Amino acid sequence: MRLPKDRDFVETVEGWFFCVVGYLHPPDRYTAYLKYTPASAGRWARGDIFYHRELPYYHVRNVMHTLEFLEREQPRYVWLDPIQGLRFSFVPRDAVARYYAPEQRRAEIRRRGPSDPLEADALAVISILAESAGLCEECFGIGGSILLGLHNPAFSDIDVIVYGCDNALRVKQALSPALPASLADLEHDPRARWRAEIAERFALNPERVTALERRRWNYVLYRNRYVSVHPTRQDSEIREVYGAHRYRALGPAAVEGIVSDARDSIFLPAVYALADVRFADGRSLPAIEIVSYEGLFCDVADEGDRVQARGLLEEVDGRDFRLVVGTGAVPDGGSLWRVDRG
């Protein structure tokens, strides 16, 4: 049986849908955030059941609101993990009615045939990406609302999962600098709205937002439909076992340093090894890790780049340190950006 992976989903006995986060899960729970709950009416539906989207978009502020909902409605889903020092939503495995894996959903749609135009478009996008990158379709999955069967062909997006770092890099190369003929770049107006929203959510100036936008290779259009591509680790790339390390929060911090390894930044959480680290308060360290649970900061810097970051400083096993971005311990979740070498 495969390991739990980022962007899988679980459905609970209440009919709630949680999106799995990362790859580190307690033996009896899944680390996951609440995304959909049944409702009397809504834009998403499966059969005769409507659903409300509890998370309008991913941001730490919205995730904190889902924790408040869970504490009222099902408090056992909110837990303080003694290993990670993390208070978050953890779905007990005995509360899971069904587990959803994107690659299985892709195989199911291919086997039985698409049930609507959106499912057909999702398969077409995967075929285009696979052919352009020289990969087989088995390297891909279908995520988001299509994974759950809640999608609406009138407005739903296509979320594509690509498994494995090497495979993801091949897809990235296939999408930049020129797109395959059947895909299109995002249009001007959505780009402008995105820049304004990101500047407000993360307190970033326009120059930093523009720099982040230039790095976004994994968002395109297919037949005027929004498509996102998300790299996810293969089993062999999940190297940390739950309980192997212990984490202790030390408080908010701001750092600057040189990226010494960015290979794992393509995944979520994005991991950057940082050398020659200087803190805003004057301290220094030879090296730390930056770990971002905010997808905006995936793959935004390369080896040799100088970066600055804000987040929660954590001690690892009493001897090492990491800075976590995308955490409720920082009011806006924190941020990460490249700076000029000079």
C-alpha atoms as a PDB file:
ATOM      1  CA  MET A   1       0.000   0.000   0.000  1.00  0.00           C
ATOM      2  CA  ARG A   2       1.337   3.435  -0.927  1.00  0.00           C
ATOM      3  CA  LEU A   3       2.189   6.080   1.661  1.00  0.00           C
ATOM      4  CA  PRO A   4      -0.091   9.076   2.311  1.00  0.00           C
ATOM      5  CA  LYS A   5       0.856  11.992   0.077  1.00  0.00           C
ATOM      6  CA  ASP A   6       0.311  15.703  -0.152  1.00  0.00           C
ATOM      7  CA  ARG A   7      -2.976  16.571  -1.951  1.00  0.00           C
ATOM      8  CA  ASP A   8      -4.609  13.198  -1.316  1.00  0.00           C
ATOM      9  CA  PHE A   9      -8.036  13.503   0.337  1.00  0.00           C
ATOM     10  CA  VAL A  10      -9.908  11.692   3.082  1.00  0.00           C
ATOM     11  CA  GLU A  11     -13.661  11.614   3.580  1.00  0.00           C
ATOM     12  CA  THR A  12     -14.847  11.264   7.170  1.00  0.00           C
ATOM     13  CA  VAL A  13     -17.887   9.479   8.565  1.00  0.00           C
ATOM     14  CA  GLU A  14     -19.610  12.910   8.726  1.00  0.00           C
ATOM     15  CA  GLY A  15     -19.135  13.320   4.978  1.00  0.00           C
ATOM     16  CA  TRP A  16     -16.457  16.011   5.426  1.00  0.00           C
ATOM     17  CA  PHE A  17     -13.563  16.175   2.972  1.00  0.00           C
ATOM     18  CA  PHE A  18     -10.038  16.912   4.229  1.00  0.00           C
ATOM     19  CA  CYS A  19      -7.004  17.580   2.039  1.00  0.00           C
ATOM     20  CA  VAL A  20      -3.891  15.732   3.193  1.00  0.00           C
ATOM     21  CA  VAL A  21      -0.911  17.978   3.992  1.00  0.00           C
ATOM     22  CA  GLY A  22       2.660  16.864   3.414  1.00  0.00           C
ATOM     23  CA  TYR A  23       4.093  13.468   4.244  1.00  0.00           C
ATOM     24  CA  LEU A  24       4.507  13.386   8.025  1.00  0.00           C
ATOM     25  CA  HIS A  25       1.538  11.726   9.720  1.00  0.00           C
ATOM     26  CA  PRO A  26       1.066  10.178  13.175  1.00  0.00           C
ATOM     27  CA  PRO A  27       0.404   6.412  13.057  1.00  0.00           C
ATOM     28  CA  ASP A  28      -3.280   6.840  13.938  1.00  0.00           C
ATOM     29  CA  ARG A  29      -4.051  10.144  12.190  1.00  0.00           C
ATOM     30  CA  TYR A  30      -3.756  12.061   8.929  1.00  0.00           C
ATOM     31  CA  THR A  31      -2.422  15.607   8.921  1.00  0.00           C
ATOM     32  CA  ALA A  32      -5.071  17.357   6.802  1.00  0.00           C
ATOM     33  CA  TYR A  33      -7.145  20.524   6.554  1.00  0.00           C
ATOM     34  CA  LEU A  34     -10.916  20.720   6.126  1.00  0.00           C
ATOM     35  CA  LYS A  35     -12.050  21.778   2.648  1.00  0.00           C
ATOM     36  CA  TYR A  36     -15.660  20.683   1.942  1.00  0.00           C
ATOM     37  CA  THR A  37     -18.700  19.967   4.132  1.00  0.00           C
ATOM     38  CA  PRO A  38     -22.269  18.924   3.140  1.00  0.00           C
ATOM     39  CA  ALA A  39     -24.725  21.802   2.729  1.00  0.00           C
ATOM     40  CA  SER A  40     -28.379  22.428   1.821  1.00  0.00           C
ATOM     41  CA  ALA A  41     -27.208  24.190  -1.357  1.00  0.00           C
ATOM     42  CA  GLY A  42     -23.923  25.008  -3.013  1.00  0.00           C
ATOM     43  CA  ARG A  43     -21.837  25.226  -6.165  1.00  0.00           C
ATOM     44  CA  TRP A  44     -20.301  21.790  -5.650  1.00  0.00           C
ATOM     45  CA  ALA A  45     -22.359  18.600  -5.600  1.00  0.00           C
ATOM     46  CA  ARG A  46     -22.114  14.834  -5.842  1.00  0.00           C
ATOM     47  CA  GLY A  47     -25.386  13.205  -6.729  1.00  0.00           C
ATOM     48  CA  ASP A  48     -28.086  14.903  -4.659  1.00  0.00           C
ATOM     49  CA  ILE A  49     -25.683  16.125  -1.939  1.00  0.00           C
ATOM     50  CA  PHE A  50     -24.455  19.716  -2.118  1.00  0.00           C
ATOM     51  CA  TYR A  51     -21.203  20.885  -0.557  1.00  0.00           C
ATOM     52  CA  HIS A  52     -19.871  24.090   0.943  1.00  0.00           C
ATOM     53  CA  ARG A  53     -16.224  24.966   0.456  1.00  0.00           C
ATOM     54  CA  GLU A  54     -14.894  25.729   3.936  1.00  0.00           C
ATOM     55  CA  LEU A  55     -11.613  27.000   2.522  1.00  0.00           C
ATOM     56  CA  PRO A  56     -12.264  29.673  -0.170  1.00  0.00           C
ATOM     57  CA  TYR A  57      -8.523  29.695  -0.922  1.00  0.00           C
ATOM     58  CA  TYR A  58      -5.513  28.313   0.906  1.00  0.00           C
ATOM     59  CA  HIS A  59      -4.050  30.747   3.411  1.00  0.00           C
ATOM     60  CA  VAL A  60      -3.111  30.228   7.027  1.00  0.00           C
ATOM     61  CA  ARG A  61      -5.869  32.633   8.158  1.00  0.00           C
ATOM     62  CA  ASN A  62      -8.512  30.502   6.440  1.00  0.00           C
ATOM     63  CA  VAL A  63      -7.035  27.296   7.851  1.00  0.00           C
ATOM     64  CA  MET A  64      -7.282  28.800  11.347  1.00  0.00           C
ATOM     65  CA  HIS A  65     -10.999  29.433  10.719  1.00  0.00           C
ATOM     66  CA  THR A  66     -11.508  25.752   9.866  1.00  0.00           C
ATOM     67  CA  LEU A  67      -9.882  24.820  13.182  1.00  0.00           C
ATOM     68  CA  GLU A  68     -12.437  27.002  14.971  1.00  0.00           C
ATOM     69  CA  PHE A  69     -15.241  25.197  13.112  1.00  0.00           C
ATOM     70  CA  LEU A  70     -13.823  21.795  14.023  1.00  0.00           C
ATOM     71  CA  GLU A  71     -13.412  22.711  17.673  1.00  0.00           C
ATOM     72  CA  ARG A  72     -17.122  23.502  17.787  1.00  0.00           C
ATOM     73  CA  GLU A  73     -18.388  20.572  15.721  1.00  0.00           C
ATOM     74  CA  GLN A  74     -15.869  17.746  16.202  1.00  0.00           C
ATOM     75  CA  PRO A  75     -13.110  18.734  18.655  1.00  0.00           C
ATOM     76  CA  ARG A  76     -11.277  15.407  18.463  1.00  0.00           C
ATOM     77  CA  TYR A  77     -10.148  16.415  14.950  1.00  0.00           C
ATOM     78  CA  VAL A  78      -8.004  19.223  16.431  1.00  0.00           C
ATOM     79  CA  TRP A  79      -4.885  17.976  18.196  1.00  0.00           C
ATOM     80  CA  LEU A  80      -1.574  19.222  19.536  1.00  0.00           C
ATOM     81  CA  ASP A  81       1.059  16.901  18.084  1.00  0.00           C
ATOM     82  CA  PRO A  82       3.789  16.405  20.714  1.00  0.00           C
ATOM     83  CA  ILE A  83       6.342  15.380  18.060  1.00  0.00           C
ATOM     84  CA  GLN A  84       5.931  18.360  15.751  1.00  0.00           C
ATOM     85  CA  GLY A  85       4.728  20.801  18.390  1.00  0.00           C
ATOM     86  CA  LEU A  86       1.905  21.547  15.959  1.00  0.00           C
ATOM     87  CA  ARG A  87      -1.706  22.283  16.839  1.00  0.00           C
ATOM     88  CA  PHE A  88      -3.599  21.472  13.678  1.00  0.00           C
ATOM     89  CA  SER A  89      -6.409  19.366  12.251  1.00  0.00           C
ATOM     90  CA  PHE A  90      -5.497  15.674  12.389  1.00  0.00           C
ATOM     91  CA  VAL A  91      -8.139  13.236  11.150  1.00  0.00           C
ATOM     92  CA  PRO A  92      -8.228  10.044  13.237  1.00  0.00           C
ATOM     93  CA  ARG A  93      -7.920   7.041  10.946  1.00  0.00           C
ATOM     94  CA  ASP A  94     -10.929   5.412  12.575  1.00  0.00           C
ATOM     95  CA  ALA A  95     -12.996   8.406  11.378  1.00  0.00           C
ATOM     96  CA  VAL A  96     -12.069   7.923   7.708  1.00  0.00           C
ATOM     97  CA  ALA A  97     -14.836   6.489   5.537  1.00  0.00           C
ATOM     98  CA  ARG A  98     -12.867   6.672   2.267  1.00  0.00           C
ATOM     99  CA  TYR A  99      -9.383   7.570   1.073  1.00  0.00           C
ATOM    100  CA  TYR A 100      -8.868   9.327  -2.296  1.00  0.00           C
ATOM    101  CA  ALA A 101      -5.630   8.970  -4.296  1.00  0.00           C
ATOM    102  CA  PRO A 102      -5.235  11.147  -7.437  1.00  0.00           C
ATOM    103  CA  GLU A 103      -3.482   8.501  -9.543  1.00  0.00           C
ATOM    104  CA  GLN A 104      -6.304   6.046  -8.843  1.00  0.00           C
ATOM    105  CA  ARG A 105      -8.885   8.603  -9.926  1.00  0.00           C
ATOM    106  CA  ARG A 106      -6.995   9.212 -13.178  1.00  0.00           C
ATOM    107  CA  ALA A 107      -6.884   5.466 -13.833  1.00  0.00           C
ATOM    108  CA  GLU A 108     -10.598   5.120 -13.020  1.00  0.00           C
ATOM    109  CA  ILE A 109     -11.640   7.852 -15.487  1.00  0.00           C
ATOM    110  CA  ARG A 110      -9.387   6.396 -18.187  1.00  0.00           C
ATOM    111  CA  ARG A 111     -10.765   2.892 -17.627  1.00  0.00           C
ATOM    112  CA  ARG A 112     -14.501   3.682 -17.653  1.00  0.00           C
ATOM    113  CA  GLY A 113     -14.330   6.790 -19.846  1.00  0.00           C
ATOM    114  CA  PRO A 114     -15.061  10.427 -18.891  1.00  0.00           C
ATOM    115  CA  SER A 115     -18.530  11.128 -17.490  1.00  0.00           C
ATOM    116  CA  ASP A 116     -18.513  14.812 -18.498  1.00  0.00           C
ATOM    117  CA  PRO A 117     -16.484  17.327 -20.560  1.00  0.00           C
ATOM    118  CA  LEU A 118     -14.355  18.365 -17.572  1.00  0.00           C
ATOM    119  CA  GLU A 119     -13.163  14.816 -16.938  1.00  0.00           C
ATOM    120  CA  ALA A 120     -12.390  14.520 -20.651  1.00  0.00           C
ATOM    121  CA  ASP A 121     -10.398  17.765 -20.532  1.00  0.00           C
ATOM    122  CA  ALA A 122      -8.456  16.546 -17.484  1.00  0.00           C
ATOM    123  CA  LEU A 123      -7.389  13.404 -19.349  1.00  0.00           C
ATOM    124  CA  ALA A 124      -6.495  15.507 -22.406  1.00  0.00           C
ATOM    125  CA  VAL A 125      -4.264  17.797 -20.323  1.00  0.00           C
ATOM    126  CA  ILE A 126      -2.474  14.800 -18.808  1.00  0.00           C
ATOM    127  CA  SER A 127      -1.931  13.356 -22.289  1.00  0.00           C
ATOM    128  CA  ILE A 128      -0.455  16.668 -23.466  1.00  0.00           C
ATOM    129  CA  LEU A 129       1.855  16.938 -20.448  1.00  0.00           C
ATOM    130  CA  ALA A 130       2.933  13.292 -20.666  1.00  0.00           C
ATOM    131  CA  GLU A 131       3.749  13.524 -24.364  1.00  0.00           C
ATOM    132  CA  SER A 132       5.520  16.883 -24.019  1.00  0.00           C
ATOM    133  CA  ALA A 133       7.652  15.674 -21.102  1.00  0.00           C
ATOM    134  CA  GLY A 134       8.295  12.162 -22.452  1.00  0.00           C
ATOM    135  CA  LEU A 135       6.471  10.508 -19.560  1.00  0.00           C
ATOM    136  CA  CYS A 136       3.755   7.869 -19.225  1.00  0.00           C
ATOM    137  CA  GLU A 137       0.295   8.747 -17.914  1.00  0.00           C
ATOM    138  CA  GLU A 138       0.937   6.618 -14.826  1.00  0.00           C
ATOM    139  CA  CYS A 139       3.209   9.425 -13.580  1.00  0.00           C
ATOM    140  CA  PHE A 140       0.145  11.666 -13.165  1.00  0.00           C
ATOM    141  CA  GLY A 141      -2.979  11.976 -11.063  1.00  0.00           C
ATOM    142  CA  ILE A 142      -6.113  14.139 -10.975  1.00  0.00           C
ATOM    143  CA  GLY A 143      -6.698  16.155  -7.812  1.00  0.00           C
ATOM    144  CA  GLY A 144      -9.089  18.791  -6.503  1.00  0.00           C
ATOM    145  CA  SER A 145     -12.844  18.562  -6.887  1.00  0.00           C
ATOM    146  CA  ILE A 146     -12.586  16.087  -9.801  1.00  0.00           C
ATOM    147  CA  LEU A 147     -10.782  13.675  -7.470  1.00  0.00           C
ATOM    148  CA  LEU A 148     -13.802  13.749  -5.152  1.00  0.00           C
ATOM    149  CA  GLY A 149     -16.461  13.748  -7.850  1.00  0.00           C
ATOM    150  CA  LEU A 150     -17.798  17.112  -6.619  1.00  0.00           C
ATOM    151  CA  HIS A 151     -16.736  19.078  -9.675  1.00  0.00           C
ATOM    152  CA  ASN A 152     -18.952  21.272 -11.827  1.00  0.00           C
ATOM    153  CA  PRO A 153     -17.972  21.385 -15.520  1.00  0.00           C
ATOM    154  CA  ALA A 154     -19.288  24.949 -15.703  1.00  0.00           C
ATOM    155  CA  PHE A 155     -16.562  26.426 -13.498  1.00  0.00           C
ATOM    156  CA  SER A 156     -14.262  23.843 -11.882  1.00  0.00           C
ATOM    157  CA  ASP A 157     -10.520  23.910 -12.527  1.00  0.00           C
ATOM    158  CA  ILE A 158      -8.211  21.037 -13.445  1.00  0.00           C
ATOM    159  CA  ASP A 159      -5.649  20.064 -10.807  1.00  0.00           C
ATOM    160  CA  VAL A 160      -2.949  17.758 -12.147  1.00  0.00           C
ATOM    161  CA  ILE A 161      -0.580  15.851  -9.869  1.00  0.00           C
ATOM    162  CA  VAL A 162       2.821  14.745 -11.180  1.00  0.00           C
ATOM    163  CA  TYR A 163       4.664  12.170  -9.068  1.00  0.00           C
ATOM    164  CA  GLY A 164       8.419  12.327  -8.507  1.00  0.00           C
ATOM    165  CA  CYS A 165      11.025  15.086  -8.604  1.00  0.00           C
ATOM    166  CA  ASP A 166      12.632  14.051 -11.889  1.00  0.00           C
ATOM    167  CA  ASN A 167       9.226  13.731 -13.555  1.00  0.00           C
ATOM    168  CA  ALA A 168       8.173  17.131 -12.230  1.00  0.00           C
ATOM    169  CA  LEU A 169      11.337  18.753 -13.554  1.00  0.00           C
ATOM    170  CA  ARG A 170      10.648  17.259 -16.985  1.00  0.00           C
ATOM    171  CA  VAL A 171       7.132  18.698 -16.934  1.00  0.00           C
ATOM    172  CA  LYS A 172       8.535  22.049 -15.831  1.00  0.00           C
ATOM    173  CA  GLN A 173      10.958  22.000 -18.745  1.00  0.00           C
ATOM    174  CA  ALA A 174       8.122  21.118 -21.127  1.00  0.00           C
ATOM    175  CA  LEU A 175       6.125  24.155 -19.943  1.00  0.00           C
ATOM    176  CA  SER A 176       8.916  26.720 -20.061  1.00  0.00           C
ATOM    177  CA  PRO A 177       9.902  28.882 -21.701  1.00  0.00           C
ATOM    178  CA  ALA A 178       7.381  27.957 -24.451  1.00  0.00           C
ATOM    179  CA  LEU A 179       4.122  26.091 -23.836  1.00  0.00           C
ATOM    180  CA  PRO A 180       2.906  23.098 -25.877  1.00  0.00           C
ATOM    181  CA  ALA A 181       0.584  24.221 -28.661  1.00  0.00           C
ATOM    182  CA  SER A 182      -2.631  23.105 -26.945  1.00  0.00           C
ATOM    183  CA  LEU A 183      -1.949  25.074 -23.751  1.00  0.00           C
ATOM    184  CA  ALA A 184      -2.066  28.845 -23.225  1.00  0.00           C
ATOM    185  CA  ASP A 185      -0.577  31.315 -20.798  1.00  0.00           C
ATOM    186  CA  LEU A 186      -2.781  32.993 -18.209  1.00  0.00           C
ATOM    187  CA  GLU A 187      -4.505  36.127 -19.405  1.00  0.00           C
ATOM    188  CA  HIS A 188      -3.678  39.664 -18.274  1.00  0.00           C
ATOM    189  CA  ASP A 189      -6.706  40.405 -16.077  1.00  0.00           C
ATOM    190  CA  PRO A 190      -6.482  37.231 -13.939  1.00  0.00           C
ATOM    191  CA  ARG A 191      -2.757  37.861 -13.538  1.00  0.00           C
ATOM    192  CA  ALA A 192      -3.395  41.417 -12.324  1.00  0.00           C
ATOM    193  CA  ARG A 193      -6.019  40.210  -9.817  1.00  0.00           C
ATOM    194  CA  TRP A 194      -3.632  37.513  -8.603  1.00  0.00           C
ATOM    195  CA  ARG A 195      -0.841  40.055  -8.023  1.00  0.00           C
ATOM    196  CA  ALA A 196      -3.151  42.316  -6.029  1.00  0.00           C
ATOM    197  CA  GLU A 197      -4.475  39.443  -3.900  1.00  0.00           C
ATOM    198  CA  ILE A 198      -1.006  38.071  -3.150  1.00  0.00           C
ATOM    199  CA  ALA A 199       0.327  41.503  -2.203  1.00  0.00           C
ATOM    200  CA  GLU A 200      -2.522  41.906   0.301  1.00  0.00           C
ATOM    201  CA  ARG A 201      -2.445  38.383   1.758  1.00  0.00           C
ATOM    202  CA  PHE A 202       1.310  38.233   2.337  1.00  0.00           C
ATOM    203  CA  ALA A 203       2.216  41.911   2.829  1.00  0.00           C
ATOM    204  CA  LEU A 204       4.607  41.807  -0.156  1.00  0.00           C
ATOM    205  CA  ASN A 205       5.533  44.811  -2.257  1.00  0.00           C
ATOM    206  CA  PRO A 206       4.775  44.803  -6.026  1.00  0.00           C
ATOM    207  CA  GLU A 207       8.365  44.000  -7.009  1.00  0.00           C
ATOM    208  CA  ARG A 208       8.416  40.858  -4.868  1.00  0.00           C
ATOM    209  CA  VAL A 209       5.023  39.739  -6.158  1.00  0.00           C
ATOM    210  CA  THR A 210       6.168  40.230  -9.762  1.00  0.00           C
ATOM    211  CA  ALA A 211       9.309  38.185  -9.062  1.00  0.00           C
ATOM    212  CA  LEU A 212       7.171  35.365  -7.641  1.00  0.00           C
ATOM    213  CA  GLU A 213       4.875  35.499 -10.659  1.00  0.00           C
ATOM    214  CA  ARG A 214       7.808  35.013 -13.040  1.00  0.00           C
ATOM    215  CA  ARG A 215       8.597  31.713 -11.299  1.00  0.00           C
ATOM    216  CA  ARG A 216       5.062  30.298 -11.673  1.00  0.00           C
ATOM    217  CA  TRP A 217       5.560  27.713 -14.416  1.00  0.00           C
ATOM    218  CA  ASN A 218       2.793  25.378 -13.264  1.00  0.00           C
ATOM    219  CA  TYR A 219      -0.346  27.436 -13.995  1.00  0.00           C
ATOM    220  CA  VAL A 220      -1.726  27.455 -17.550  1.00  0.00           C
ATOM    221  CA  LEU A 221      -4.972  27.457 -19.530  1.00  0.00           C
ATOM    222  CA  TYR A 222      -6.507  24.637 -21.527  1.00  0.00           C
ATOM    223  CA  ARG A 223      -9.507  25.615 -23.665  1.00  0.00           C
ATOM    224  CA  ASN A 224      -9.894  28.699 -21.420  1.00  0.00           C
ATOM    225  CA  ARG A 225      -9.954  26.525 -18.308  1.00  0.00           C
ATOM    226  CA  TYR A 226      -7.519  27.084 -15.451  1.00  0.00           C
ATOM    227  CA  VAL A 227      -5.007  24.250 -14.997  1.00  0.00           C
ATOM    228  CA  SER A 228      -2.566  23.816 -12.123  1.00  0.00           C
ATOM    229  CA  VAL A 229       0.255  21.248 -11.946  1.00  0.00           C
ATOM    230  CA  HIS A 230       1.471  20.085  -8.530  1.00  0.00           C
ATOM    231  CA  PRO A 231       4.606  17.975  -7.984  1.00  0.00           C
ATOM    232  CA  THR A 232       4.203  15.300  -5.304  1.00  0.00           C
ATOM    233  CA  ARG A 233       6.775  12.931  -3.823  1.00  0.00           C
ATOM    234  CA  GLN A 234       6.947   9.273  -4.772  1.00  0.00           C
ATOM    235  CA  ASP A 235       7.165   6.764  -1.916  1.00  0.00           C
ATOM    236  CA  SER A 236      10.944   6.488  -2.360  1.00  0.00           C
ATOM    237  CA  GLU A 237      11.268  10.268  -1.925  1.00  0.00           C
ATOM    238  CA  ILE A 238       9.498  10.323   1.461  1.00  0.00           C
ATOM    239  CA  ARG A 239      12.574  10.117   3.650  1.00  0.00           C
ATOM    240  CA  GLU A 240      11.408  11.243   7.098  1.00  0.00           C
ATOM    241  CA  VAL A 241       9.519   8.834   9.334  1.00  0.00           C
ATOM    242  CA  TYR A 242       7.133  10.257  11.905  1.00  0.00           C
ATOM    243  CA  GLY A 243       8.885  10.475  15.271  1.00  0.00           C
ATOM    244  CA  ALA A 244      12.408  10.433  13.848  1.00  0.00           C
ATOM    245  CA  HIS A 245      12.820  14.113  14.773  1.00  0.00           C
ATOM    246  CA  ARG A 246      11.289  16.373  17.394  1.00  0.00           C
ATOM    247  CA  TYR A 247      10.492  20.018  16.787  1.00  0.00           C
ATOM    248  CA  ARG A 248      10.197  22.846  19.325  1.00  0.00           C
ATOM    249  CA  ALA A 249       8.922  26.319  18.486  1.00  0.00           C
ATOM    250  CA  LEU A 250      11.234  29.191  19.452  1.00  0.00           C
ATOM    251  CA  GLY A 251       9.250  32.133  18.099  1.00  0.00           C
ATOM    252  CA  PRO A 252       8.942  34.334  14.994  1.00  0.00           C
ATOM    253  CA  ALA A 253      12.149  35.189  13.156  1.00  0.00           C
ATOM    254  CA  ALA A 254      13.449  36.780   9.960  1.00  0.00           C
ATOM    255  CA  VAL A 255      16.543  35.470   8.185  1.00  0.00           C
ATOM    256  CA  GLU A 256      18.720  36.008   5.127  1.00  0.00           C
ATOM    257  CA  GLY A 257      21.099  33.508   3.549  1.00  0.00           C
ATOM    258  CA  ILE A 258      22.317  31.675   0.466  1.00  0.00           C
ATOM    259  CA  VAL A 259      20.372  28.698  -0.887  1.00  0.00           C
ATOM    260  CA  SER A 260      22.701  25.688  -0.856  1.00  0.00           C
ATOM    261  CA  ASP A 261      20.134  23.107  -2.020  1.00  0.00           C
ATOM    262  CA  ALA A 262      16.727  23.777  -3.602  1.00  0.00           C
ATOM    263  CA  ARG A 263      15.906  20.379  -5.132  1.00  0.00           C
ATOM    264  CA  ASP A 264      13.109  19.658  -2.658  1.00  0.00           C
ATOM    265  CA  SER A 265      11.592  23.112  -3.075  1.00  0.00           C
ATOM    266  CA  ILE A 266       9.472  21.845  -5.971  1.00  0.00           C
ATOM    267  CA  PHE A 267       7.277  19.899  -3.536  1.00  0.00           C
ATOM    268  CA  LEU A 268       4.918  21.034  -0.784  1.00  0.00           C
ATOM    269  CA  PRO A 269       6.132  21.529   1.840  1.00  0.00           C
ATOM    270  CA  ALA A 270       8.980  23.200  -0.036  1.00  0.00           C
ATOM    271  CA  VAL A 271      12.398  22.663   1.563  1.00  0.00           C
ATOM    272  CA  TYR A 272      15.412  24.914   1.038  1.00  0.00           C
ATOM    273  CA  ALA A 273      18.813  24.364   2.642  1.00  0.00           C
ATOM    274  CA  LEU A 274      20.218  27.765   3.615  1.00  0.00           C
ATOM    275  CA  ALA A 275      23.867  28.608   4.335  1.00  0.00           C
ATOM    276  CA  ASP A 276      25.601  31.679   5.770  1.00  0.00           C
ATOM    277  CA  VAL A 277      22.459  32.581   7.692  1.00  0.00           C
ATOM    278  CA  ARG A 278      22.000  36.017   9.234  1.00  0.00           C
ATOM    279  CA  PHE A 279      19.052  36.838  11.485  1.00  0.00           C
ATOM    280  CA  ALA A 280      17.375  40.235  11.575  1.00  0.00           C
ATOM    281  CA  ASP A 281      18.342  40.538  15.275  1.00  0.00           C
ATOM    282  CA  GLY A 282      22.051  40.089  14.486  1.00  0.00           C
ATOM    283  CA  ARG A 283      22.494  36.387  15.250  1.00  0.00           C
ATOM    284  CA  SER A 284      24.108  34.073  12.717  1.00  0.00           C
ATOM    285  CA  LEU A 285      24.200  30.356  11.975  1.00  0.00           C
ATOM    286  CA  PRO A 286      26.198  28.369   9.414  1.00  0.00           C
ATOM    287  CA  ALA A 287      23.067  26.631   8.119  1.00  0.00           C
ATOM    288  CA  ILE A 288      19.319  26.113   8.626  1.00  0.00           C
ATOM    289  CA  GLU A 289      16.410  24.756   6.598  1.00  0.00           C
ATOM    290  CA  ILE A 290      13.494  26.785   5.357  1.00  0.00           C
ATOM    291  CA  VAL A 291      10.304  24.715   5.170  1.00  0.00           C
ATOM    292  CA  SER A 292       7.307  26.349   3.473  1.00  0.00           C
ATOM    293  CA  TYR A 293       3.783  24.958   3.804  1.00  0.00           C
ATOM    294  CA  GLU A 294       2.551  27.845   1.672  1.00  0.00           C
ATOM    295  CA  GLY A 295       2.496  26.759  -1.983  1.00  0.00           C
ATOM    296  CA  LEU A 296       3.210  30.279  -3.214  1.00  0.00           C
ATOM    297  CA  PHE A 297       6.810  29.831  -2.089  1.00  0.00           C
ATOM    298  CA  CYS A 298       7.487  26.510  -3.785  1.00  0.00           C
ATOM    299  CA  ASP A 299      10.312  26.574  -6.346  1.00  0.00           C
ATOM    300  CA  VAL A 300      10.937  30.324  -6.030  1.00  0.00           C
ATOM    301  CA  ALA A 301      14.740  30.210  -5.634  1.00  0.00           C
ATOM    302  CA  ASP A 302      17.657  28.204  -7.011  1.00  0.00           C
ATOM    303  CA  GLU A 303      20.936  27.036  -5.553  1.00  0.00           C
ATOM    304  CA  GLY A 304      23.205  30.066  -5.138  1.00  0.00           C
ATOM    305  CA  ASP A 305      20.352  32.582  -4.793  1.00  0.00           C
ATOM    306  CA  ARG A 306      20.228  34.907  -1.826  1.00  0.00           C
ATOM    307  CA  VAL A 307      16.844  34.863  -0.068  1.00  0.00           C
ATOM    308  CA  GLN A 308      15.086  36.485   2.835  1.00  0.00           C
ATOM    309  CA  ALA A 309      12.316  34.813   4.798  1.00  0.00           C
ATOM    310  CA  ARG A 310       9.960  35.383   7.724  1.00  0.00           C
ATOM    311  CA  GLY A 311       8.396  32.586   9.707  1.00  0.00           C
ATOM    312  CA  LEU A 312       8.521  30.493  12.874  1.00  0.00           C
ATOM    313  CA  LEU A 313      11.962  29.404  14.043  1.00  0.00           C
ATOM    314  CA  GLU A 314      12.011  25.847  15.344  1.00  0.00           C
ATOM    315  CA  GLU A 315      14.673  23.797  17.088  1.00  0.00           C
ATOM    316  CA  VAL A 316      15.150  20.298  15.648  1.00  0.00           C
ATOM    317  CA  ASP A 317      16.288  17.533  18.016  1.00  0.00           C
ATOM    318  CA  GLY A 318      17.812  20.132  20.308  1.00  0.00           C
ATOM    319  CA  ARG A 319      20.696  20.926  17.954  1.00  0.00           C
ATOM    320  CA  ASP A 320      19.541  22.067  14.492  1.00  0.00           C
ATOM    321  CA  PHE A 321      17.155  24.771  13.348  1.00  0.00           C
ATOM    322  CA  ARG A 322      14.554  25.380  10.679  1.00  0.00           C
ATOM    323  CA  LEU A 323      12.333  28.314   9.727  1.00  0.00           C
ATOM    324  CA  VAL A 324       8.723  27.353   8.962  1.00  0.00           C
ATOM    325  CA  VAL A 325       6.759  29.523   6.522  1.00  0.00           C
ATOM    326  CA  GLY A 326       2.987  29.150   6.212  1.00  0.00           C
ATOM    327  CA  THR A 327       2.250  28.797   9.911  1.00  0.00           C
ATOM    328  CA  GLY A 328      -0.421  30.209  12.205  1.00  0.00           C
ATOM    329  CA  ALA A 329       2.317  31.276  14.625  1.00  0.00           C
ATOM    330  CA  VAL A 330       2.996  34.261  12.330  1.00  0.00           C
ATOM    331  CA  PRO A 331       0.051  36.649  11.677  1.00  0.00           C
ATOM    332  CA  ASP A 332       0.248  36.518   7.863  1.00  0.00           C
ATOM    333  CA  GLY A 333       1.903  33.086   7.738  1.00  0.00           C
ATOM    334  CA  GLY A 334       5.331  34.441   6.825  1.00  0.00           C
ATOM    335  CA  SER A 335       6.977  34.794   3.424  1.00  0.00           C
ATOM    336  CA  LEU A 336      10.039  34.005   1.303  1.00  0.00           C
ATOM    337  CA  TRP A 337      11.628  35.950  -1.556  1.00  0.00           C
ATOM    338  CA  ARG A 338      14.817  36.271  -3.570  1.00  0.00           C
ATOM    339  CA  VAL A 339      16.998  39.349  -3.137  1.00  0.00           C
ATOM    340  CA  ASP A 340      19.646  40.878  -5.383  1.00  0.00           C
ATOM    341  CA  ARG A 341      23.088  39.373  -4.938  1.00  0.00           C
ATOM    342  CA  GLY A 342      24.598  42.783  -4.417  1.00  0.00           C
END
